Amino acid sequence: IYASQTGNTEAAAEYIQDGILARYPFIQVKLMDIREDQMDMQFLEESEAVIFGSPVYFTSMGWELKRWFDNSFSIKLDGKLGAAFVTAQSALGGTDTAIMEILRHMLVKGMLIFSGTGDKTADKFQIGAVGMAKDMDGCAKQFEVFGGSVAEKAMELFGK
């Protein structure tokens, strides 16, 4: 689930999807853009993992994602694996605080939080994945690794 204003967060979500499907082609993945009203609530309810993404605005998540969290009280997210990613204009623009804001909302919803770090990850994510707007193509590998790592953890926790 993501909100994207300029297309950068959408590109990051697509890279994450690519990373998931490269490692686990049998996993069902659906990209849902809040701004485009692409929410599939049944799919979300049946999902075992949800990755949230947002551009960074004033060191926090974008208002669209914040509004979604505030209004999603009827959506059952507890027990699901959750991870977060952001895109930003600058690495010094509050990427860590924006991810932490998303993670706090996931914790309130009862989600299990995962940073994306795994034994096989090339990058060690502290709290989630970050992409810089000026080099989204250069961030592709990082997002792919992040997606694959979240999928691996979901398989470990929920795999049948």
Protein backbone atom coordinates (compact mmCIF):
# COMPACT_ATOMS: atom_id res chain seq x y z
CA ILE A 1 0.00 0.00 0.00
CA TYR A 2 1.51 3.32 -0.98
CA ALA A 3 0.85 6.92 -1.85
CA SER A 4 2.84 8.48 -4.68
CA GLN A 5 2.74 12.07 -5.88
CA THR A 6 5.54 12.17 -8.45
CA GLY A 7 5.85 8.49 -9.31
CA ASN A 8 8.93 7.78 -7.19
CA THR A 9 7.12 5.86 -4.47
CA GLU A 10 5.18 3.98 -7.12
CA ALA A 11 8.46 3.02 -8.83
CA ALA A 12 9.84 1.83 -5.48
CA ALA A 13 6.70 -0.29 -4.92
CA GLU A 14 7.16 -1.86 -8.35
CA TYR A 15 10.80 -2.69 -7.57
CA ILE A 16 9.68 -4.26 -4.28
CA GLN A 17 7.10 -6.34 -6.17
CA ASP A 18 9.82 -7.43 -8.62
CA GLY A 19 12.02 -8.53 -5.72
CA ILE A 20 9.22 -10.54 -4.14
CA LEU A 21 8.27 -12.29 -7.36
CA ALA A 22 11.89 -12.98 -8.33
CA ARG A 23 12.34 -15.04 -5.15
CA TYR A 24 8.82 -16.36 -4.74
CA PRO A 25 6.95 -16.34 -8.07
CA PHE A 26 3.98 -18.15 -6.52
CA ILE A 27 3.24 -15.37 -4.00
CA GLN A 28 0.28 -13.16 -4.84
CA VAL A 29 1.31 -9.50 -4.78
CA LYS A 30 -0.94 -6.55 -5.41
CA LEU A 31 0.16 -2.92 -5.60
CA MET A 32 -2.41 -0.57 -4.11
CA ASP A 33 -2.10 3.18 -4.62
CA ILE A 34 -4.16 5.05 -2.05
CA ARG A 35 -4.36 8.12 -4.27
CA GLU A 36 -5.79 6.14 -7.18
CA ASP A 37 -8.34 4.37 -4.98
CA GLN A 38 -6.85 0.97 -5.82
CA MET A 39 -7.60 -0.57 -2.44
CA ASP A 40 -8.69 -4.20 -2.59
CA MET A 41 -9.95 -4.73 0.93
CA GLN A 42 -10.63 -8.45 0.52
CA PHE A 43 -7.08 -9.03 -0.74
CA LEU A 44 -5.73 -6.94 2.15
CA GLU A 45 -7.75 -8.87 4.72
CA GLU A 46 -6.45 -12.18 3.32
CA SER A 47 -2.82 -11.03 3.09
CA GLU A 48 -0.25 -12.25 5.56
CA ALA A 49 2.14 -9.36 4.95
CA VAL A 50 1.67 -5.71 4.03
CA ILE A 51 4.38 -3.27 2.99
CA PHE A 52 3.54 0.43 3.33
CA GLY A 53 5.27 3.19 1.38
CA SER A 54 5.16 6.96 1.31
CA PRO A 55 7.10 9.95 0.14
CA VAL A 56 8.67 11.91 3.00
CA TYR A 57 6.88 15.16 3.87
CA PHE A 58 8.27 17.35 6.63
CA THR A 59 10.04 14.35 8.21
CA SER A 60 6.88 12.25 8.25
CA MET A 61 4.74 10.09 6.00
CA GLY A 62 2.49 11.77 3.44
CA TRP A 63 -0.95 12.84 4.55
CA GLU A 64 -2.71 10.32 2.30
CA LEU A 65 -1.16 7.36 4.12
CA LYS A 66 -1.71 9.01 7.50
CA ARG A 67 -5.38 9.55 6.63
CA TRP A 68 -5.66 5.90 5.53
CA PHE A 69 -4.25 4.69 8.86
CA ASP A 70 -6.55 7.05 10.75
CA ASN A 71 -9.63 5.82 8.88
CA SER A 72 -8.78 2.11 8.64
CA PHE A 73 -10.02 1.13 12.08
CA SER A 74 -12.32 -1.53 10.62
CA ILE A 75 -9.54 -3.25 8.66
CA LYS A 76 -8.04 -6.21 10.51
CA LEU A 77 -4.25 -5.92 10.30
CA ASP A 78 -3.27 -7.50 13.63
CA GLY A 79 -0.94 -10.45 13.32
CA LYS A 80 0.14 -9.54 9.79
CA LEU A 81 3.80 -8.94 8.98
CA GLY A 82 4.46 -5.29 8.19
CA ALA A 83 7.35 -3.36 6.68
CA ALA A 84 7.84 0.21 5.48
CA PHE A 85 9.68 2.15 2.80
CA VAL A 86 9.95 5.80 1.87
CA THR A 87 11.21 7.93 -0.96
CA ALA A 88 12.73 11.35 -0.43
CA GLN A 89 14.48 14.25 -2.08
CA SER A 90 17.32 14.11 0.46
CA ALA A 91 18.75 11.49 2.80
CA LEU A 92 18.82 14.20 5.45
CA GLY A 93 15.14 15.06 5.02
CA GLY A 94 13.72 12.85 7.74
CA THR A 95 13.63 9.42 6.10
CA ASP A 96 14.17 7.67 9.43
CA THR A 97 11.43 9.59 11.24
CA ALA A 98 9.00 9.03 8.36
CA ILE A 99 9.59 5.28 8.46
CA MET A 100 9.23 5.29 12.25
CA GLU A 101 5.90 7.11 11.91
CA ILE A 102 4.64 4.38 9.57
CA LEU A 103 5.95 1.67 11.90
CA ARG A 104 4.22 3.27 14.90
CA HIS A 105 0.92 3.16 13.05
CA MET A 106 1.49 -0.50 12.15
CA LEU A 107 2.22 -1.32 15.80
CA VAL A 108 -1.03 0.35 16.90
CA LYS A 109 -2.80 -1.91 14.38
CA GLY A 110 -1.19 -4.96 16.04
CA MET A 111 1.12 -5.79 13.15
CA LEU A 112 4.42 -7.66 13.45
CA ILE A 113 7.13 -5.25 12.34
CA PHE A 114 10.07 -6.29 10.15
CA SER A 115 12.95 -4.06 9.03
CA GLY A 116 13.69 -6.03 5.88
CA THR A 117 17.07 -7.24 7.09
CA GLY A 118 17.83 -10.86 6.40
CA ASP A 119 20.82 -13.15 6.30
CA LYS A 120 20.98 -12.95 2.52
CA THR A 121 20.44 -9.21 2.12
CA ALA A 122 23.18 -7.23 0.45
CA ASP A 123 22.03 -4.11 2.28
CA LYS A 124 21.29 -4.09 5.98
CA PHE A 125 18.14 -2.07 6.52
CA GLN A 126 17.97 -0.38 9.90
CA ILE A 127 14.21 0.20 9.95
CA GLY A 128 13.06 0.00 6.32
CA ALA A 129 14.08 0.80 2.75
CA VAL A 130 14.82 4.32 1.51
CA GLY A 131 15.04 5.59 -2.06
CA MET A 132 16.31 8.94 -3.27
CA ALA A 133 14.19 10.64 -5.92
CA LYS A 134 17.20 11.72 -7.97
CA ASP A 135 18.34 8.10 -8.39
CA MET A 136 15.33 5.79 -8.26
CA ASP A 137 16.82 3.47 -10.88
CA GLY A 138 19.98 3.27 -8.78
CA CYS A 139 17.84 2.28 -5.78
CA ALA A 140 16.12 -0.54 -7.67
CA LYS A 141 18.36 -3.31 -6.34
CA GLN A 142 17.92 -2.14 -2.76
CA PHE A 143 14.12 -2.20 -3.10
CA GLU A 144 14.20 -5.60 -4.80
CA VAL A 145 16.32 -7.03 -1.99
CA PHE A 146 13.99 -5.44 0.55
CA GLY A 147 10.90 -6.98 -1.09
CA GLY A 148 12.52 -10.40 -1.34
CA SER A 149 13.60 -10.25 2.28
CA VAL A 150 10.12 -9.31 3.52
CA ALA A 151 8.66 -12.17 1.47
CA GLU A 152 11.23 -14.56 2.92
CA LYS A 153 10.26 -13.56 6.46
CA ALA A 154 6.56 -13.94 5.61
CA MET A 155 7.26 -17.45 4.27
CA GLU A 156 9.20 -18.26 7.41
CA LEU A 157 6.37 -17.08 9.66
CA PHE A 158 3.30 -18.08 7.66
CA GLY A 159 4.49 -20.50 4.95
CA LYS A 160 2.43 -23.58 4.67
